[in-house]
Protein backbone atom coordinates (compact mmCIF):
# COMPACT_ATOMS: atom_id res chain seq x y z
CA MET A 1 54.67 -25.14 -60.42
CA LYS A 2 52.47 -22.82 -58.44
CA ALA A 3 49.16 -21.29 -59.41
CA THR A 4 49.03 -17.52 -59.72
CA SER A 5 46.87 -15.77 -57.18
CA ARG A 6 44.36 -14.97 -59.94
CA ASP A 7 44.14 -18.56 -61.20
CA ARG A 8 43.92 -19.81 -57.63
CA ARG A 9 41.04 -17.44 -56.86
CA ILE A 10 39.11 -18.49 -59.97
CA LEU A 11 39.49 -22.22 -59.28
CA ARG A 12 38.64 -21.96 -55.60
CA GLN A 13 35.47 -19.98 -56.24
CA LEU A 14 34.29 -22.58 -58.74
CA ALA A 15 35.29 -25.44 -56.45
CA GLU A 16 33.25 -23.95 -53.61
CA GLY A 17 30.25 -23.92 -55.95
CA VAL A 18 30.80 -27.58 -56.83
CA ARG A 19 31.19 -28.49 -53.14
CA ASP A 20 27.89 -26.79 -52.33
CA ILE A 21 26.15 -28.61 -55.18
CA ALA A 22 27.62 -31.94 -54.06
CA SER A 23 26.30 -31.41 -50.53
CA LEU A 24 22.67 -31.12 -51.65
CA PRO A 25 20.43 -33.99 -50.45
CA VAL A 26 19.43 -34.77 -54.04
CA GLN A 27 22.93 -36.10 -54.75
CA ALA A 28 22.60 -38.93 -52.21
CA GLU A 29 19.10 -39.63 -53.52
CA ARG A 30 20.46 -39.95 -57.06
CA ALA A 31 23.27 -42.24 -55.93
CA GLY A 32 20.72 -44.51 -54.27
CA LEU A 33 18.53 -44.54 -57.36
CA TRP A 34 21.52 -45.55 -59.51
CA LYS A 35 22.59 -48.34 -57.18
CA ASP A 36 19.12 -49.86 -57.32
CA PHE A 37 18.91 -49.28 -61.06
CA ASN A 38 22.25 -50.92 -61.83
CA ALA A 39 21.20 -53.85 -59.67
CA LEU A 40 18.17 -54.23 -61.98
CA ARG A 41 15.76 -52.92 -59.34
CA PRO A 42 14.67 -49.72 -61.12
CA ARG A 43 12.36 -47.39 -59.27
CA ARG A 44 11.69 -45.45 -62.48
CA PRO A 45 13.38 -44.71 -65.82
CA MET A 46 16.63 -42.81 -65.35
CA VAL A 47 17.59 -39.76 -67.39
CA LEU A 48 21.04 -38.57 -68.48
CA ALA A 49 22.14 -35.81 -70.84
CA PHE A 50 25.75 -35.53 -71.99
CA PRO A 51 26.41 -32.41 -74.10
CA GLU A 52 29.71 -33.78 -75.47
CA GLY A 53 30.69 -31.67 -78.51
CA GLY A 54 27.76 -29.37 -77.75
CA TRP A 55 29.58 -28.04 -74.70
CA ARG A 56 31.03 -25.43 -77.07
CA ASP A 57 27.60 -23.79 -77.10
CA LEU A 58 27.09 -24.09 -73.35
CA VAL A 59 30.43 -23.18 -71.78
CA PRO A 60 32.58 -21.72 -74.58
CA ASP A 61 36.35 -21.42 -74.26
CA SER A 62 35.94 -17.64 -74.04
CA GLN A 63 34.56 -18.07 -70.50
CA VAL A 64 37.74 -19.74 -69.25
CA GLN A 65 39.95 -17.23 -67.44
CA CYS A 66 42.94 -19.15 -66.06
CA GLU A 67 46.26 -18.66 -67.83
CA ASP A 68 48.02 -22.00 -67.32
CA PRO A 69 46.84 -24.71 -69.79
CA LEU A 70 46.41 -27.39 -67.10
CA LEU A 71 44.52 -25.02 -64.82
CA ARG A 72 42.35 -23.93 -67.75
CA ALA A 73 41.34 -27.57 -68.22
CA TRP A 74 40.51 -27.85 -64.54
CA GLU A 75 38.54 -24.62 -64.69
CA MET A 76 36.57 -25.85 -67.69
CA GLY A 77 35.65 -29.05 -65.86
CA LEU A 78 34.44 -27.14 -62.81
CA ARG A 79 32.47 -24.67 -64.91
CA ARG A 80 30.76 -27.49 -66.76
CA THR A 81 29.77 -29.13 -63.47
CA VAL A 82 28.17 -25.91 -62.23
CA TRP A 83 26.45 -25.28 -65.58
CA ARG A 84 25.10 -28.84 -65.66
CA HIS A 85 23.59 -28.44 -62.20
CA GLU A 86 21.95 -25.16 -63.06
CA HIS A 87 20.64 -25.99 -66.53
CA ILE A 88 20.43 -29.76 -67.09
CA HIS A 89 17.70 -31.43 -65.09
CA ASP A 90 18.70 -35.09 -65.20
CA ASP A 91 19.86 -37.80 -62.79
CA CYS A 92 23.62 -37.25 -63.07
CA PRO A 93 25.05 -37.06 -59.52
CA VAL A 94 27.66 -34.54 -58.46
CA THR A 95 30.25 -35.43 -55.82
CA ASP A 96 33.03 -33.51 -54.10
CA TRP A 97 35.79 -35.58 -55.69
CA PHE A 98 38.33 -33.75 -57.84
CA ASN A 99 39.96 -36.22 -60.19
CA VAL A 100 43.51 -35.88 -61.49
CA GLY A 101 44.18 -38.30 -64.32
CA TRP A 102 47.30 -40.42 -64.57
CA VAL A 103 49.77 -38.99 -67.06
CA VAL A 104 50.20 -41.86 -69.49
CA SER A 105 51.56 -41.86 -73.04
CA PHE A 106 51.03 -44.60 -75.60
CA GLY A 107 53.35 -45.48 -78.42
CA ASP A 108 51.90 -46.66 -81.71
CA TYR A 109 51.85 -50.24 -82.94
CA GLY A 110 54.78 -49.72 -85.31
CA LEU A 111 52.44 -48.45 -88.00
CA LYS A 112 50.02 -45.56 -87.74
CA GLU A 113 47.43 -44.07 -90.05
CA THR A 114 47.93 -40.63 -91.58
CA ARG A 115 44.88 -38.42 -91.10
CA VAL A 116 43.95 -35.63 -93.49
CA ARG A 117 41.39 -33.00 -92.59
CA THR A 118 40.67 -29.43 -93.65
CA GLU A 119 39.59 -28.12 -90.24
CA ASP A 120 39.74 -29.06 -86.56
CA LEU A 121 36.11 -30.15 -86.47
CA GLY A 122 34.23 -32.37 -88.87
CA ALA A 123 35.16 -35.34 -91.03
CA TYR A 124 38.58 -36.57 -92.03
CA ARG A 125 40.03 -39.27 -94.24
CA TRP A 126 43.03 -41.39 -93.50
CA ASP A 127 45.70 -43.40 -95.20
CA ALA A 128 45.70 -46.86 -93.60
CA PRO A 129 49.26 -48.23 -93.26
CA VAL A 130 48.62 -52.00 -93.53
CA LYS A 131 48.45 -52.13 -97.31
CA GLU A 132 49.86 -55.61 -97.90
CA PRO A 133 49.83 -58.77 -95.74
CA ARG A 134 53.60 -58.42 -95.30
CA ASP A 135 53.01 -55.10 -93.48
CA PHE A 136 51.62 -57.11 -90.57
CA ASP A 137 55.19 -58.08 -89.65
CA LYS A 138 55.96 -54.44 -88.86
CA LEU A 139 53.44 -54.37 -86.01
CA HIS A 140 54.49 -54.56 -82.37
CA PHE A 141 52.92 -53.83 -78.99
CA GLY A 142 52.74 -50.16 -78.13
CA THR A 143 55.07 -48.70 -75.52
CA ILE A 144 53.25 -47.51 -72.40
CA THR A 145 54.97 -44.77 -70.39
CA ILE A 146 53.58 -43.78 -67.00
CA ASP A 147 54.88 -40.42 -65.81
CA ARG A 148 54.52 -40.81 -62.07
CA GLN A 149 56.51 -37.65 -61.34
CA GLU A 150 54.25 -35.44 -63.44
CA THR A 151 51.15 -37.16 -62.05
CA ALA A 152 52.37 -36.50 -58.49
CA ARG A 153 53.13 -32.88 -59.39
CA ARG A 154 49.59 -32.36 -60.61
CA VAL A 155 48.09 -34.02 -57.54
CA GLU A 156 50.25 -31.84 -55.29
CA LEU A 157 49.12 -28.73 -57.14
CA ALA A 158 45.47 -29.74 -56.90
CA GLU A 159 45.84 -30.44 -53.18
CA GLU A 160 47.50 -27.09 -52.63
CA VAL A 161 44.86 -25.11 -54.54
CA LEU A 162 41.68 -27.10 -53.89
CA GLY A 163 42.39 -29.75 -51.27
CA ASP A 164 40.61 -27.95 -48.44
CA ILE A 165 37.47 -27.65 -50.59
CA LEU A 166 37.29 -30.83 -52.68
CA ARG A 167 38.69 -34.33 -52.18
CA VAL A 168 41.61 -34.73 -54.59
CA ARG A 169 42.51 -38.14 -56.01
CA THR A 170 44.20 -39.75 -58.99
CA HIS A 171 41.68 -41.47 -61.18
CA GLY A 172 42.22 -43.52 -64.36
CA ALA A 173 43.20 -45.11 -66.67
CA LEU A 174 40.89 -47.17 -68.89
CA ARG A 175 40.29 -46.21 -72.50
CA TRP A 176 36.66 -45.40 -73.26
CA SER A 177 36.14 -48.65 -75.22
CA TYR A 178 37.80 -52.03 -75.71
CA GLY A 179 36.02 -52.89 -78.95
CA MET A 180 39.26 -52.68 -81.02
CA THR A 181 37.51 -52.53 -84.41
CA TRP A 182 38.11 -48.76 -84.62
CA THR A 183 41.84 -49.46 -84.39
CA LEU A 184 41.45 -52.25 -86.94
CA ILE A 185 39.97 -49.96 -89.57
CA ASN A 186 42.53 -47.26 -88.82
CA LEU A 187 45.27 -49.77 -89.59
CA ARG A 188 43.67 -51.43 -92.61
CA GLY A 189 40.90 -49.14 -93.85
CA LEU A 190 37.14 -49.65 -93.56
CA GLN A 191 36.45 -50.65 -97.14
CA ARG A 192 39.47 -52.94 -97.21
CA VAL A 193 38.40 -54.71 -94.00
CA MET A 194 34.92 -55.31 -95.41
CA LEU A 195 36.45 -56.93 -98.51
CA ASP A 196 39.09 -58.80 -96.50
CA MET A 197 36.42 -60.73 -94.62
CA TYR A 198 35.66 -62.43 -97.95
CA GLU A 199 38.94 -62.18 -99.86
CA ASN A 200 41.56 -62.44 -97.12
CA PRO A 201 39.90 -63.51 -93.86
CA GLN A 202 43.14 -64.77 -92.35
CA LEU A 203 44.60 -61.28 -92.42
CA VAL A 204 41.62 -59.94 -90.44
CA HIS A 205 42.07 -62.78 -87.95
CA ARG A 206 45.78 -62.01 -87.63
CA LEU A 207 45.10 -58.30 -87.10
CA MET A 208 42.35 -58.87 -84.54
CA GLY A 209 44.46 -61.48 -82.75
CA PHE A 210 47.31 -58.99 -82.56
CA LEU A 211 45.00 -56.23 -81.26
CA ARG A 212 43.52 -58.59 -78.67
CA ASP A 213 46.98 -59.50 -77.37
CA ALA A 214 48.30 -55.93 -77.50
CA THR A 215 45.24 -54.58 -75.68
CA LEU A 216 45.39 -57.29 -73.04
CA HIS A 217 49.07 -56.43 -72.54
CA GLU A 218 48.04 -52.80 -72.00
CA LEU A 219 45.36 -53.71 -69.47
CA GLU A 220 47.66 -56.08 -67.60
CA THR A 221 50.27 -53.32 -67.48
CA PHE A 222 47.74 -50.91 -65.99
CA GLU A 223 46.75 -53.53 -63.44
CA ARG A 224 50.32 -54.47 -62.55
CA GLU A 225 51.42 -50.84 -62.25
CA GLY A 226 48.47 -50.00 -60.00
CA ILE A 227 46.99 -47.20 -62.09
CA LEU A 228 43.47 -48.55 -62.50
CA SER A 229 40.74 -46.88 -60.46
CA LEU A 230 37.33 -48.08 -59.37
CA ASN A 231 34.56 -46.79 -61.62
CA SER A 232 31.61 -47.91 -59.51
CA GLY A 233 30.88 -44.62 -57.77
CA PRO A 234 28.03 -42.14 -58.36
CA ALA A 235 30.26 -39.75 -60.34
CA ASP A 236 31.70 -42.42 -62.62
CA TYR A 237 30.69 -42.43 -66.29
CA VAL A 238 30.54 -45.97 -67.66
CA GLY A 239 29.69 -47.58 -70.98
CA SER A 240 28.53 -45.38 -73.83
CA GLY A 241 26.45 -43.33 -71.42
CA GLY A 242 25.65 -44.43 -67.87
CA VAL A 243 26.47 -44.00 -64.19
CA GLY A 244 28.53 -46.71 -62.53
CA ALA A 245 27.19 -46.57 -58.95
CA THR A 246 26.88 -50.13 -57.65
CA ASP A 247 27.51 -52.24 -54.56
CA GLU A 248 28.44 -55.22 -56.76
CA LEU A 249 31.92 -53.85 -57.39
CA PRO A 250 34.70 -54.20 -56.41
CA ALA A 251 34.96 -58.00 -56.17
CA ASP A 252 34.63 -59.67 -52.78
CA ASP A 253 38.38 -60.26 -52.46
CA PHE A 254 39.30 -56.63 -53.18
CA ASP A 255 42.30 -55.57 -51.08
CA GLY A 256 42.69 -51.98 -52.23
CA ARG A 257 44.59 -52.65 -55.46
CA VAL A 258 42.20 -52.25 -58.38
CA ARG A 259 42.01 -55.08 -60.90
CA MET A 260 39.99 -55.50 -64.05
CA LYS A 261 37.50 -57.69 -62.23
CA ASP A 262 36.73 -54.79 -59.89
CA MET A 263 35.56 -52.54 -62.72
CA TRP A 264 33.00 -51.82 -65.42
CA VAL A 265 34.15 -51.97 -69.05
CA LEU A 266 32.70 -51.07 -72.46
CA GLY A 267 32.81 -53.16 -75.60
CA GLU A 268 31.31 -52.07 -78.94
CA SER A 269 31.83 -52.42 -82.67
CA GLN A 270 30.32 -49.47 -84.46
CA GLU A 271 32.55 -50.11 -87.46
CA PHE A 272 30.88 -53.51 -87.94
CA VAL A 273 27.39 -52.02 -88.15
CA GLY A 274 26.84 -53.57 -91.60
CA VAL A 275 28.31 -56.96 -90.74
CA GLY A 276 25.97 -59.91 -90.13
CA PRO A 277 25.92 -61.85 -86.86
CA ASP A 278 28.11 -64.76 -87.97
CA GLN A 279 30.92 -62.53 -89.21
CA PHE A 280 30.46 -60.17 -86.27
CA TYR A 281 31.20 -63.08 -83.95
CA GLU A 282 34.00 -64.47 -86.10
CA PHE A 283 35.91 -61.25 -86.70
CA ALA A 284 35.01 -59.05 -83.70
CA LEU A 285 33.24 -60.53 -80.70
CA GLN A 286 35.38 -63.61 -80.24
CA TYR A 287 38.45 -61.36 -79.99
CA GLN A 288 36.74 -58.96 -77.59
CA LEU A 289 35.60 -61.67 -75.18
CA PRO A 290 39.01 -62.45 -73.60
CA LEU A 291 39.15 -58.78 -72.58
CA LEU A 292 35.54 -58.15 -71.62
CA ASN A 293 35.27 -61.30 -69.54
CA ARG A 294 38.14 -60.15 -67.31
CA PHE A 295 35.91 -57.37 -65.94
CA GLY A 296 33.34 -57.35 -63.17
CA LEU A 297 30.48 -55.79 -65.15
CA VAL A 298 30.21 -55.19 -68.89
CA CYS A 299 28.47 -52.57 -71.03
CA TYR A 300 28.06 -53.31 -74.72
CA GLY A 301 27.20 -51.17 -77.70
CA CYS A 302 27.15 -47.52 -78.68
CA CYS A 303 25.63 -46.09 -81.87
CA GLU A 304 25.43 -49.40 -83.73
CA PRO A 305 22.01 -51.17 -83.72
CA LEU A 306 22.38 -54.58 -82.09
CA ASP A 307 19.17 -56.06 -83.51
CA GLN A 308 20.88 -59.13 -85.00
CA LYS A 309 23.52 -59.37 -82.28
CA PHE A 310 21.62 -59.32 -78.99
CA ASP A 311 21.61 -63.12 -78.75
CA LEU A 312 25.37 -63.32 -79.29
CA ILE A 313 26.38 -60.82 -76.64
CA ILE A 314 23.87 -62.23 -74.15
CA GLU A 315 25.14 -65.77 -74.73
CA HIS A 316 28.84 -65.02 -74.61
CA ILE A 317 29.26 -62.21 -72.05
CA PRO A 318 28.37 -63.67 -68.64
CA ARG A 319 28.62 -60.39 -66.70
CA LEU A 320 26.83 -58.28 -69.28
CA ARG A 321 24.72 -55.63 -67.56
CA ARG A 322 24.20 -52.50 -69.71
CA VAL A 323 23.22 -52.75 -73.40
CA SER A 324 22.98 -49.80 -75.77
CA VAL A 325 19.75 -49.37 -77.73
CA SER A 326 20.76 -46.91 -80.43
CA PRO A 327 18.48 -44.58 -82.41
CA TRP A 328 18.56 -47.11 -85.26
CA CYS A 329 17.69 -50.15 -83.16
CA ASP A 330 14.32 -51.94 -83.14
CA ARG A 331 13.14 -50.76 -79.73
CA ALA A 332 10.49 -53.48 -79.34
CA LEU A 333 12.98 -56.22 -80.19
CA ALA A 334 15.41 -54.74 -77.68
CA ALA A 335 12.75 -54.85 -74.96
CA GLN A 336 12.01 -58.46 -75.80
CA LYS A 337 15.67 -59.50 -75.74
CA LEU A 338 16.77 -57.51 -72.70
CA GLY A 339 13.66 -57.88 -70.54
CA GLU A 340 14.34 -57.50 -66.83
CA SER A 341 17.81 -59.04 -67.08
CA TYR A 342 19.82 -56.17 -68.58
CA ILE A 343 19.81 -52.38 -68.55
CA TYR A 344 18.00 -50.98 -71.59
CA SER A 345 20.26 -48.00 -72.37
CA TRP A 346 18.20 -46.09 -74.92
CA LYS A 347 19.88 -43.33 -76.92
CA PRO A 348 17.28 -41.02 -78.59
CA ASN A 349 18.32 -39.51 -81.91
CA PRO A 350 20.25 -36.29 -81.06
CA ALA A 351 19.23 -34.73 -84.38
CA ALA A 352 15.85 -34.04 -82.77
CA ILE A 353 17.38 -31.25 -80.68
CA CYS A 354 20.54 -30.48 -82.66
CA GLY A 355 19.03 -29.68 -86.06
CA ASN A 356 17.89 -26.34 -87.38
CA ALA A 357 14.34 -26.63 -86.03
CA PRO A 358 13.89 -28.86 -82.96
CA ASP A 359 10.46 -30.45 -82.66
CA TYR A 360 9.79 -30.89 -78.94
CA ASP A 361 6.37 -32.43 -79.50
CA ALA A 362 8.02 -35.15 -81.56
CA VAL A 363 10.68 -35.56 -78.87
CA GLU A 364 7.99 -36.11 -76.25
CA ASN A 365 5.96 -38.46 -78.43
CA VAL A 366 8.93 -40.72 -79.20
CA MET A 367 9.92 -40.72 -75.55
CA ARG A 368 6.43 -41.68 -74.37
CA GLN A 369 6.35 -44.41 -76.97
CA THR A 370 9.71 -45.81 -75.88
CA ILE A 371 8.78 -45.74 -72.18
CA GLY A 372 5.73 -47.80 -73.11
CA ILE A 373 7.72 -50.21 -75.28
CA ALA A 374 10.32 -50.73 -72.55
CA LYS A 375 7.84 -51.11 -69.70
CA GLY A 376 9.23 -53.70 -67.29
CA CYS A 377 12.82 -53.05 -68.41
CA ALA A 378 15.50 -51.13 -66.53
CA LEU A 379 15.26 -48.16 -68.89
CA GLU A 380 17.72 -45.29 -68.98
CA ILE A 381 17.19 -42.44 -71.44
CA VAL A 382 20.56 -41.05 -72.52
CA MET A 383 20.95 -38.01 -74.75
CA LYS A 384 24.44 -37.95 -76.23
CA ASP A 385 26.36 -37.36 -79.48
CA THR A 386 25.09 -33.80 -79.37
CA HIS A 387 27.80 -31.97 -81.29
CA THR A 388 25.98 -28.65 -81.54
CA PHE A 389 22.95 -26.88 -80.11
CA GLN A 390 23.09 -24.25 -82.85
CA GLY A 391 24.09 -21.62 -80.31
CA GLU A 392 20.92 -22.24 -78.23
CA PRO A 393 21.87 -23.69 -74.82
CA GLU A 394 18.22 -23.86 -73.76
CA ARG A 395 17.71 -26.85 -76.07
CA ILE A 396 19.42 -29.32 -73.71
CA THR A 397 17.57 -27.76 -70.76
CA ARG A 398 14.21 -28.22 -72.44
CA TRP A 399 15.01 -31.80 -73.46
CA SER A 400 16.06 -32.71 -69.91
CA ARG A 401 12.88 -31.23 -68.44
CA ILE A 402 10.72 -33.26 -70.83
CA ALA A 403 12.62 -36.49 -70.15
CA SER A 404 12.63 -36.02 -66.37
CA ARG A 405 8.91 -35.24 -66.31
CA LEU A 406 8.02 -38.34 -68.31
CA ALA A 407 10.35 -40.50 -66.21
CA ALA A 408 8.64 -39.28 -63.04
CA GLU A 409 5.22 -40.00 -64.52
CA ALA A 410 6.36 -43.57 -65.24
CA THR A 411 7.28 -44.26 -61.60
């Protein structure tokens, strides 16, 4: 495959813009700030804003001009990087790396949920396939297929089009989370799992044991096949919102082949938000630990409040470093539990800037309050789960200016 002259021109112009942004002195300053921060030596609170679903309001598909689907995806990524630099005033570094992901396909576990939805966006319901205990016997490890030829083709294309502007590399291939409870409820159903913990606990144990073993098989396959990549650089997103820059990874005996112990990983269990600490440990955490403890540094939590679970994850995850403090978490309790020993990854409620009438005074008041509550902690302020800005891109700009100003005042 070759890029058309038009697609090539579009991509190269955008890549030159990214290269120029990456060469700014502020990028090295940010990388240094993150290395100190992740080492629990914060110079000030750090600020990140991830538009996520809200990107539709910021860089809509209508702006993408390339014709080829793969090149359109590359163009979108470059456009977002430029837009972020120009309009989001946070601490997210930009580098001159151009990442090409490994082309990997995953087979199902022998059974797969059927999803029903009325539109591409919004809620859906699903028909969980494990309806009876005997259905467990139909489960098997998923087939992992690594298409090295297609991956090499994409790298070659990127080198040909962009290689003299940006540094091209393959980069992958972890899933975003290794919590496994999302997969559990897809297989069995959320309501059924909640009842099973009382009525049929052995089935939950069998399912989680299977998912633990299947997921470990997947990770060991990635490691053996050499398709893991370091995620400890300044452009690496880690956890449920964070930058991975650190000198603590890879491990001291790293020889160029990336292993789990050379990387960050995320564990979470949003589906167990209403489950008490004892059952959380029994049915979720104890099955996550054999995976999480293979990694060099661990992030835990996403949207679920960890109020009753801080002690468990602190006790059982020896390389825990970044802990999510969700909008529904007791912020003072989080500060008490995390102290100076863990990153306090605070996620403000995105509804404050995504609703019909954003209240920026309230945004600033809550942020000042949280900075005070978390004084002495390694605090990062992470705006995410923003699925719309109601067609007003300036909302994320205004939020980032407020957060960055308050973070600077707290130096």
